[in-house]
């Protein structure tokens, strides 16, 4: 019985460690919103550069 209780305690400790590691990893991720804004800005600039310029009528 003692070994089962000890195994359960070790399992709980492992679960707590995994949860803490997940929390820390989630906080360390770069901010997605900024990456999206920069990406779409680059797409917009690229489209403007790739589109032909309208001819000015004399």
Protein backbone atom coordinates (compact mmCIF):
# COMPACT_ATOMS: atom_id res chain seq x y z
CA UNK A 1 0.00 0.00 0.00
CA UNK A 2 2.84 2.36 0.80
CA UNK A 3 4.39 1.92 -2.65
CA UNK A 4 1.09 2.79 -4.35
CA UNK A 5 0.81 5.99 -2.33
CA UNK A 6 4.40 6.87 -3.14
CA UNK A 7 3.83 6.20 -6.84
CA UNK A 8 0.72 8.38 -6.79
CA UNK A 9 2.68 11.18 -5.11
CA UNK A 10 5.44 10.95 -7.72
CA UNK A 11 2.85 10.96 -10.49
CA UNK A 12 1.19 14.08 -9.05
CA UNK A 13 4.59 15.79 -8.78
CA UNK A 14 5.29 14.95 -12.41
CA UNK A 15 1.91 16.34 -13.48
CA UNK A 16 2.53 19.56 -11.56
CA UNK A 17 5.95 19.90 -13.19
CA UNK A 18 4.48 19.39 -16.65
CA UNK A 19 1.78 21.96 -15.98
CA UNK A 20 4.36 24.49 -14.76
CA UNK A 21 6.54 23.85 -17.83
CA UNK A 22 3.53 24.33 -20.10
CA UNK A 23 2.64 27.59 -18.39
CA UNK A 24 6.20 28.90 -18.72
CA UNK A 25 6.39 27.86 -22.39
CA UNK A 26 3.09 29.59 -23.14
CA UNK A 27 4.34 32.83 -21.58
CA UNK A 28 7.60 32.69 -23.57
CA UNK A 29 5.94 32.50 -27.00
CA UNK A 30 6.30 35.61 -29.15
CA UNK A 31 3.24 37.75 -29.53
CA UNK A 32 1.25 36.53 -32.53
CA UNK A 33 -0.63 39.76 -33.17
CA UNK A 34 2.53 41.71 -33.92
CA UNK A 35 3.77 39.00 -36.28
CA UNK A 36 0.45 39.04 -38.15
CA UNK A 37 0.47 42.82 -38.52
CA UNK A 38 4.04 42.84 -39.81
CA UNK A 39 3.28 40.00 -42.23
CA UNK A 40 0.21 41.67 -43.70
CA UNK A 41 2.07 44.98 -43.98
CA UNK A 42 4.79 43.25 -45.97
CA UNK A 43 2.18 41.65 -48.21
CA UNK A 44 0.56 45.03 -48.83
CA UNK A 45 3.90 46.66 -49.66
CA UNK A 46 4.76 43.79 -51.99
CA UNK A 47 1.45 44.10 -53.80
CA UNK A 48 1.94 47.83 -54.24
CA UNK A 49 5.43 47.28 -55.66
CA UNK A 50 4.23 44.52 -58.00
CA UNK A 51 1.23 46.37 -59.40
CA UNK A 52 1.81 48.47 -62.53
CA UNK A 53 1.73 52.20 -62.08
CA UNK A 54 -1.13 53.94 -63.87
CA UNK A 55 -0.13 56.00 -66.90
CA UNK A 56 -0.68 59.73 -66.51
CA UNK A 57 -2.68 61.20 -69.40
CA UNK A 58 -1.15 64.31 -70.99
